[in-house]
C-alpha cells in the first residue's frame, strides 16, 4: 500500500476533487493521484531543483500568501516537504486552515525504522526525518481532529475529524528516539494496513488490502 493508493481511496470514497501536495520532488506521487484539480508546492532548490511545482515557493510562503489570500480550500492535502518537525508542525497548521469540511490531511514518513533515519540534520540517504514528532504532538494536543499512522510506506499519518482524538499517553517535554521506540504503537496510533482498510473502506473486498 503506497501513499497514492490511500489518497485515491479517500478521493474515490468521498468524491474529493481538489488536491494539494506539499513537497513535489520528482512528482512520483503527484502524477498517480486521481483528482480533477491538483496543485503542488515546492521551492525546487538544491537537491530538489528538478521539481516542477504549481507554486515554486516554500510552504510557509504559500500558506501565508496564495492559500490565505485566496481563501483556497482543498479536499485532501498531502504533506511530504521538509521532514523536520518544526516545519511539519507549521505545514499541518497551514493545511488545516484550507482543508475543506470533511477533508483529509496526510503526512508521509511518520514511522522511521531506526534512529539514523530520523536524525536531524540528515546524515544518510535513507531518511524520514523527525516527522513522527509532529504526529505525536498532534495526537496529544489537538481535540478537533484525530490522527493515526498506517504501518505502510514509511508510515502514513492520517488526520481527520472522524478519528478519535483521545490520547492516553503522557509525552515528555523532549521527544527522543528511545521514547518512540518504547511507546511506538500508542504514541503513533500505529494501525496495520488490514485494520485501516477495514475501518475506513469496509466496502472493499479483502483482496485489495495490499498492493
C-alpha atoms as a PDB file:
ATOM      1  CA  UNK A   1       0.000   0.000   0.000  1.00  0.00           C
ATOM      2  CA  UNK A   2       1.559   3.252  -1.191  1.00  0.00           C
ATOM      3  CA  UNK A   3       0.672   6.826  -0.362  1.00  0.00           C
ATOM      4  CA  UNK A   4      -1.115   7.377  -3.685  1.00  0.00           C
ATOM      5  CA  UNK A   5      -3.228   4.269  -3.039  1.00  0.00           C
ATOM      6  CA  UNK A   6      -4.520   5.778   0.200  1.00  0.00           C
ATOM      7  CA  UNK A   7      -5.047   9.229  -1.321  1.00  0.00           C
ATOM      8  CA  UNK A   8      -7.017   7.760  -4.214  1.00  0.00           C
ATOM      9  CA  UNK A   9      -9.090   5.579  -1.895  1.00  0.00           C
ATOM     10  CA  UNK A  10     -10.180   8.605   0.136  1.00  0.00           C
ATOM     11  CA  UNK A  11     -10.781  10.645  -3.025  1.00  0.00           C
ATOM     12  CA  UNK A  12     -12.967   7.959  -4.572  1.00  0.00           C
ATOM     13  CA  UNK A  13     -14.980   7.275  -1.428  1.00  0.00           C
ATOM     14  CA  UNK A  14     -15.663  10.909  -0.550  1.00  0.00           C
ATOM     15  CA  UNK A  15     -15.810  12.392  -4.037  1.00  0.00           C
ATOM     16  CA  UNK A  16     -12.774  14.603  -3.485  1.00  0.00           C
ATOM     17  CA  UNK A  17     -11.808  16.754  -6.467  1.00  0.00           C
ATOM     18  CA  UNK A  18      -9.295  19.282  -5.057  1.00  0.00           C
ATOM     19  CA  UNK A  19      -5.829  18.009  -4.102  1.00  0.00           C
ATOM     20  CA  UNK A  20      -2.759  19.803  -2.722  1.00  0.00           C
ATOM     21  CA  UNK A  21       0.704  18.303  -2.310  1.00  0.00           C
ATOM     22  CA  UNK A  22       3.435  19.928  -0.219  1.00  0.00           C
ATOM     23  CA  UNK A  23       6.831  18.703  -1.424  1.00  0.00           C
ATOM     24  CA  UNK A  24       6.693  17.567  -5.045  1.00  0.00           C
ATOM     25  CA  UNK A  25      10.208  16.270  -5.797  1.00  0.00           C
ATOM     26  CA  UNK A  26      10.030  14.077  -8.943  1.00  0.00           C
ATOM     27  CA  UNK A  27       6.242  14.017  -8.972  1.00  0.00           C
ATOM     28  CA  UNK A  28       6.157  10.253  -8.397  1.00  0.00           C
ATOM     29  CA  UNK A  29       3.195  10.530  -6.061  1.00  0.00           C
ATOM     30  CA  UNK A  30       1.554  13.584  -7.624  1.00  0.00           C
ATOM     31  CA  UNK A  31       1.163  12.031 -11.077  1.00  0.00           C
ATOM     32  CA  UNK A  32      -0.574   8.982  -9.595  1.00  0.00           C
ATOM     33  CA  UNK A  33      -3.217  10.953  -7.707  1.00  0.00           C
ATOM     34  CA  UNK A  34      -6.633  10.854  -9.367  1.00  0.00           C
ATOM     35  CA  UNK A  35      -8.283  14.217  -8.650  1.00  0.00           C
ATOM     36  CA  UNK A  36      -9.741  16.717 -11.120  1.00  0.00           C
ATOM     37  CA  UNK A  37      -7.878  19.686  -9.630  1.00  0.00           C
ATOM     38  CA  UNK A  38      -4.302  19.120  -8.454  1.00  0.00           C
ATOM     39  CA  UNK A  39      -1.775  21.658  -7.186  1.00  0.00           C
ATOM     40  CA  UNK A  40       1.697  21.316  -5.703  1.00  0.00           C
ATOM     41  CA  UNK A  41       4.106  23.433  -3.693  1.00  0.00           C
ATOM     42  CA  UNK A  42       7.888  23.099  -3.696  1.00  0.00           C
ATOM     43  CA  UNK A  43      10.723  25.657  -3.555  1.00  0.00           C
ATOM     44  CA  UNK A  44      12.581  23.452  -6.071  1.00  0.00           C
ATOM     45  CA  UNK A  45      16.052  24.331  -4.821  1.00  0.00           C
ATOM     46  CA  UNK A  46      19.263  22.460  -4.027  1.00  0.00           C
ATOM     47  CA  UNK A  47      18.788  18.678  -4.341  1.00  0.00           C
ATOM     48  CA  UNK A  48      15.165  19.233  -5.442  1.00  0.00           C
ATOM     49  CA  UNK A  49      15.784  21.793  -8.174  1.00  0.00           C
ATOM     50  CA  UNK A  50      14.400  19.258 -10.676  1.00  0.00           C
ATOM     51  CA  UNK A  51      10.877  19.749  -9.299  1.00  0.00           C
ATOM     52  CA  UNK A  52       8.264  21.500 -11.420  1.00  0.00           C
ATOM     53  CA  UNK A  53       5.526  22.501  -8.942  1.00  0.00           C
ATOM     54  CA  UNK A  54       2.394  24.574  -9.446  1.00  0.00           C
ATOM     55  CA  UNK A  55       3.768  27.056  -6.895  1.00  0.00           C
ATOM     56  CA  UNK A  56       7.546  27.422  -6.789  1.00  0.00           C
ATOM     57  CA  UNK A  57       7.919  28.653  -3.210  1.00  0.00           C
ATOM     58  CA  UNK A  58       8.231  27.381   0.349  1.00  0.00           C
ATOM     59  CA  UNK A  59       5.147  26.059   2.083  1.00  0.00           C
ATOM     60  CA  UNK A  60       5.385  28.940   4.595  1.00  0.00           C
ATOM     61  CA  UNK A  61       5.162  31.419   1.716  1.00  0.00           C
ATOM     62  CA  UNK A  62       2.318  29.503   0.100  1.00  0.00           C
ATOM     63  CA  UNK A  63       0.140  29.347   3.201  1.00  0.00           C
ATOM     64  CA  UNK A  64       0.835  32.996   4.066  1.00  0.00           C
ATOM     65  CA  UNK A  65       0.092  34.360   0.591  1.00  0.00           C
ATOM     66  CA  UNK A  66      -1.574  32.141  -2.012  1.00  0.00           C
ATOM     67  CA  UNK A  67      -3.709  29.987   0.295  1.00  0.00           C
ATOM     68  CA  UNK A  68      -4.723  32.588   2.872  1.00  0.00           C
ATOM     69  CA  UNK A  69      -5.077  35.499   0.452  1.00  0.00           C
ATOM     70  CA  UNK A  70      -7.147  33.483  -1.994  1.00  0.00           C
ATOM     71  CA  UNK A  71      -9.142  31.666   0.669  1.00  0.00           C
ATOM     72  CA  UNK A  72      -8.377  28.460  -1.186  1.00  0.00           C
ATOM     73  CA  UNK A  73      -9.687  25.143   0.088  1.00  0.00           C
ATOM     74  CA  UNK A  74      -8.732  21.571  -0.705  1.00  0.00           C
ATOM     75  CA  UNK A  75     -10.442  18.255  -0.069  1.00  0.00           C
ATOM     76  CA  UNK A  76      -7.256  16.320   0.558  1.00  0.00           C
ATOM     77  CA  UNK A  77      -3.770  17.616   1.361  1.00  0.00           C
ATOM     78  CA  UNK A  78      -0.579  15.555   1.435  1.00  0.00           C
ATOM     79  CA  UNK A  79       2.444  16.865   3.358  1.00  0.00           C
ATOM     80  CA  UNK A  80       5.782  15.491   2.193  1.00  0.00           C
ATOM     81  CA  UNK A  81       8.040  18.545   2.265  1.00  0.00           C
ATOM     82  CA  UNK A  82      10.874  19.393   4.633  1.00  0.00           C
ATOM     83  CA  UNK A  83      10.931  16.439   7.031  1.00  0.00           C
ATOM     84  CA  UNK A  84      11.790  18.434  10.157  1.00  0.00           C
ATOM     85  CA  UNK A  85       9.141  18.520  12.868  1.00  0.00           C
ATOM     86  CA  UNK A  86       9.132  22.295  13.401  1.00  0.00           C
ATOM     87  CA  UNK A  87       8.356  22.784   9.714  1.00  0.00           C
ATOM     88  CA  UNK A  88       5.870  19.914   9.648  1.00  0.00           C
ATOM     89  CA  UNK A  89       4.019  21.497  12.588  1.00  0.00           C
ATOM     90  CA  UNK A  90       3.683  24.706  10.569  1.00  0.00           C
ATOM     91  CA  UNK A  91       2.621  22.799   7.463  1.00  0.00           C
ATOM     92  CA  UNK A  92      -0.097  20.989   9.415  1.00  0.00           C
ATOM     93  CA  UNK A  93      -1.392  24.281  10.835  1.00  0.00           C
ATOM     94  CA  UNK A  94      -1.406  25.900   7.398  1.00  0.00           C
ATOM     95  CA  UNK A  95      -3.039  22.897   5.761  1.00  0.00           C
ATOM     96  CA  UNK A  96      -5.840  22.745   8.313  1.00  0.00           C
ATOM     97  CA  UNK A  97      -6.710  26.377   7.605  1.00  0.00           C
ATOM     98  CA  UNK A  98      -7.517  25.492   3.991  1.00  0.00           C
ATOM     99  CA  UNK A  99      -8.866  21.974   4.450  1.00  0.00           C
ATOM    100  CA  UNK A 100     -12.490  21.709   3.357  1.00  0.00           C
ATOM    101  CA  UNK A 101     -15.089  20.299   5.779  1.00  0.00           C
ATOM    102  CA  UNK A 102     -14.912  16.514   5.711  1.00  0.00           C
ATOM    103  CA  UNK A 103     -11.441  16.689   4.224  1.00  0.00           C
ATOM    104  CA  UNK A 104      -8.389  14.524   4.853  1.00  0.00           C
ATOM    105  CA  UNK A 105      -4.843  15.599   5.717  1.00  0.00           C
ATOM    106  CA  UNK A 106      -1.990  13.122   5.227  1.00  0.00           C
ATOM    107  CA  UNK A 107       1.650  13.038   6.332  1.00  0.00           C
ATOM    108  CA  UNK A 108       4.452  10.892   4.937  1.00  0.00           C
ATOM    109  CA  UNK A 109       7.411   9.305   6.760  1.00  0.00           C
ATOM    110  CA  UNK A 110       5.842   9.066  10.226  1.00  0.00           C
ATOM    111  CA  UNK A 111       7.304   5.687  11.220  1.00  0.00           C
ATOM    112  CA  UNK A 112      11.126   5.560  10.960  1.00  0.00           C
ATOM    113  CA  UNK A 113      12.620   2.080  11.282  1.00  0.00           C
ATOM    114  CA  UNK A 114      15.835   3.082  13.016  1.00  0.00           C
ATOM    115  CA  UNK A 115      17.397   6.018  14.815  1.00  0.00           C
ATOM    116  CA  UNK A 116      19.602   7.182  11.947  1.00  0.00           C
ATOM    117  CA  UNK A 117      16.613   7.582   9.622  1.00  0.00           C
ATOM    118  CA  UNK A 118      15.042  10.174  11.909  1.00  0.00           C
ATOM    119  CA  UNK A 119      18.092  12.192  12.863  1.00  0.00           C
ATOM    120  CA  UNK A 120      18.061  15.923  12.122  1.00  0.00           C
ATOM    121  CA  UNK A 121      20.122  17.159  10.399  1.00  0.00           C
ATOM    122  CA  UNK A 122      20.154  14.393   7.803  1.00  0.00           C
ATOM    123  CA  UNK A 123      23.155  12.080   7.924  1.00  0.00           C
ATOM    124  CA  UNK A 124      22.327   9.486   5.241  1.00  0.00           C
ATOM    125  CA  UNK A 125      20.390   8.917   2.011  1.00  0.00           C
ATOM    126  CA  UNK A 126      17.618   6.780   3.557  1.00  0.00           C
ATOM    127  CA  UNK A 127      15.830   9.368   5.677  1.00  0.00           C
ATOM    128  CA  UNK A 128      12.407  10.004   7.183  1.00  0.00           C
ATOM    129  CA  UNK A 129      13.320  12.959   9.349  1.00  0.00           C
ATOM    130  CA  UNK A 130      11.511  13.532  12.633  1.00  0.00           C
ATOM    131  CA  UNK A 131       8.020  13.876  11.174  1.00  0.00           C
ATOM    132  CA  UNK A 132       6.978  11.342  13.827  1.00  0.00           C
ATOM    133  CA  UNK A 133       7.285  14.060  16.486  1.00  0.00           C
ATOM    134  CA  UNK A 134       4.663  16.159  14.714  1.00  0.00           C
ATOM    135  CA  UNK A 135       2.297  13.186  14.553  1.00  0.00           C
ATOM    136  CA  UNK A 136       2.751  12.511  18.273  1.00  0.00           C
ATOM    137  CA  UNK A 137       2.274  16.148  19.275  1.00  0.00           C
ATOM    138  CA  UNK A 138      -0.803  16.468  17.102  1.00  0.00           C
ATOM    139  CA  UNK A 139      -2.325  13.320  18.582  1.00  0.00           C
ATOM    140  CA  UNK A 140      -1.643  14.572  22.101  1.00  0.00           C
ATOM    141  CA  UNK A 141      -2.773  18.184  21.764  1.00  0.00           C
ATOM    142  CA  UNK A 142      -5.394  18.560  19.036  1.00  0.00           C
ATOM    143  CA  UNK A 143      -9.000  17.954  20.043  1.00  0.00           C
ATOM    144  CA  UNK A 144     -10.802  18.910  16.839  1.00  0.00           C
ATOM    145  CA  UNK A 145      -9.118  16.293  14.670  1.00  0.00           C
ATOM    146  CA  UNK A 146      -7.769  12.834  15.365  1.00  0.00           C
ATOM    147  CA  UNK A 147      -4.626  11.273  13.944  1.00  0.00           C
ATOM    148  CA  UNK A 148      -3.349   7.759  13.381  1.00  0.00           C
ATOM    149  CA  UNK A 149      -0.416   6.300  11.466  1.00  0.00           C
ATOM    150  CA  UNK A 150      -0.842   3.466   8.995  1.00  0.00           C
ATOM    151  CA  UNK A 151       2.026   0.978   9.080  1.00  0.00           C
ATOM    152  CA  UNK A 152       2.713   1.285   5.345  1.00  0.00           C
ATOM    153  CA  UNK A 153       5.017   3.245   3.010  1.00  0.00           C
ATOM    154  CA  UNK A 154       7.307   4.570   5.782  1.00  0.00           C
ATOM    155  CA  UNK A 155       4.322   5.483   7.982  1.00  0.00           C
ATOM    156  CA  UNK A 156       1.287   7.331   6.598  1.00  0.00           C
ATOM    157  CA  UNK A 157      -0.226   9.827   9.016  1.00  0.00           C
ATOM    158  CA  UNK A 158      -3.978  10.291   8.592  1.00  0.00           C
ATOM    159  CA  UNK A 159      -5.671  13.342  10.123  1.00  0.00           C
ATOM    160  CA  UNK A 160      -9.470  13.511  10.011  1.00  0.00           C
ATOM    161  CA  UNK A 161     -12.355  14.789  12.096  1.00  0.00           C
ATOM    162  CA  UNK A 162     -13.836  11.300  12.402  1.00  0.00           C
ATOM    163  CA  UNK A 163     -10.762   9.807  14.087  1.00  0.00           C
ATOM    164  CA  UNK A 164     -10.903   9.549  17.871  1.00  0.00           C
ATOM    165  CA  UNK A 165      -8.689  12.273  19.372  1.00  0.00           C
ATOM    166  CA  UNK A 166      -8.419  10.569  22.783  1.00  0.00           C
ATOM    167  CA  UNK A 167      -4.695  10.199  23.590  1.00  0.00           C
ATOM    168  CA  UNK A 168      -3.882   8.339  26.790  1.00  0.00           C
ATOM    169  CA  UNK A 169      -0.144   8.714  26.956  1.00  0.00           C
ATOM    170  CA  UNK A 170       1.941  11.359  28.701  1.00  0.00           C
ATOM    171  CA  UNK A 171       4.572  12.740  26.362  1.00  0.00           C
ATOM    172  CA  UNK A 172       7.871  14.120  27.650  1.00  0.00           C
ATOM    173  CA  UNK A 173       8.917  17.721  27.091  1.00  0.00           C
ATOM    174  CA  UNK A 174      11.642  16.474  24.758  1.00  0.00           C
ATOM    175  CA  UNK A 175      10.702  13.654  22.392  1.00  0.00           C
ATOM    176  CA  UNK A 176      13.546  11.192  21.871  1.00  0.00           C
ATOM    177  CA  UNK A 177      14.127   8.142  19.720  1.00  0.00           C
ATOM    178  CA  UNK A 178      14.289   5.843  22.762  1.00  0.00           C
ATOM    179  CA  UNK A 179      10.873   7.114  23.904  1.00  0.00           C
ATOM    180  CA  UNK A 180       9.364   6.462  20.466  1.00  0.00           C
ATOM    181  CA  UNK A 181      10.923   3.009  20.305  1.00  0.00           C
ATOM    182  CA  UNK A 182       9.357   2.139  23.658  1.00  0.00           C
ATOM    183  CA  UNK A 183       5.900   3.637  23.030  1.00  0.00           C
ATOM    184  CA  UNK A 184       5.658   3.424  19.234  1.00  0.00           C
ATOM    185  CA  UNK A 185       2.225   1.801  18.872  1.00  0.00           C
ATOM    186  CA  UNK A 186       0.411   4.056  21.358  1.00  0.00           C
ATOM    187  CA  UNK A 187       2.389   7.172  20.503  1.00  0.00           C
ATOM    188  CA  UNK A 188       1.633   6.975  16.781  1.00  0.00           C
ATOM    189  CA  UNK A 189      -1.709   5.219  16.952  1.00  0.00           C
ATOM    190  CA  UNK A 190       0.028   2.694  14.709  1.00  0.00           C
ATOM    191  CA  UNK A 191      -2.520   0.772  12.668  1.00  0.00           C
ATOM    192  CA  UNK A 192      -1.997  -2.183  10.356  1.00  0.00           C
ATOM    193  CA  UNK A 193      -2.958  -1.914   6.700  1.00  0.00           C
ATOM    194  CA  UNK A 194      -5.668  -4.530   7.184  1.00  0.00           C
ATOM    195  CA  UNK A 195      -7.281  -2.700  10.121  1.00  0.00           C
ATOM    196  CA  UNK A 196      -7.014   0.633   8.344  1.00  0.00           C
ATOM    197  CA  UNK A 197      -8.819  -0.613   5.244  1.00  0.00           C
ATOM    198  CA  UNK A 198     -11.445  -2.422   7.315  1.00  0.00           C
ATOM    199  CA  UNK A 199     -12.170   0.765   9.255  1.00  0.00           C
ATOM    200  CA  UNK A 200     -12.239   3.365   6.503  1.00  0.00           C
ATOM    201  CA  UNK A 201     -13.051   1.301   3.412  1.00  0.00           C
ATOM    202  CA  UNK A 202     -15.155  -1.641   4.592  1.00  0.00           C
ATOM    203  CA  UNK A 203     -16.826  -1.797   1.188  1.00  0.00           C
ATOM    204  CA  UNK A 204     -13.579  -3.022  -0.403  1.00  0.00           C
ATOM    205  CA  UNK A 205     -13.083  -6.785  -0.809  1.00  0.00           C
ATOM    206  CA  UNK A 206     -10.246  -8.200   1.387  1.00  0.00           C
ATOM    207  CA  UNK A 207      -8.041  -8.907  -1.628  1.00  0.00           C
ATOM    208  CA  UNK A 208      -7.439  -5.141  -2.146  1.00  0.00           C
ATOM    209  CA  UNK A 209      -5.817  -4.551   1.244  1.00  0.00           C
ATOM    210  CA  UNK A 210      -2.297  -4.757  -0.160  1.00  0.00           C
ATOM    211  CA  UNK A 211      -0.641  -3.559  -3.343  1.00  0.00           C
END
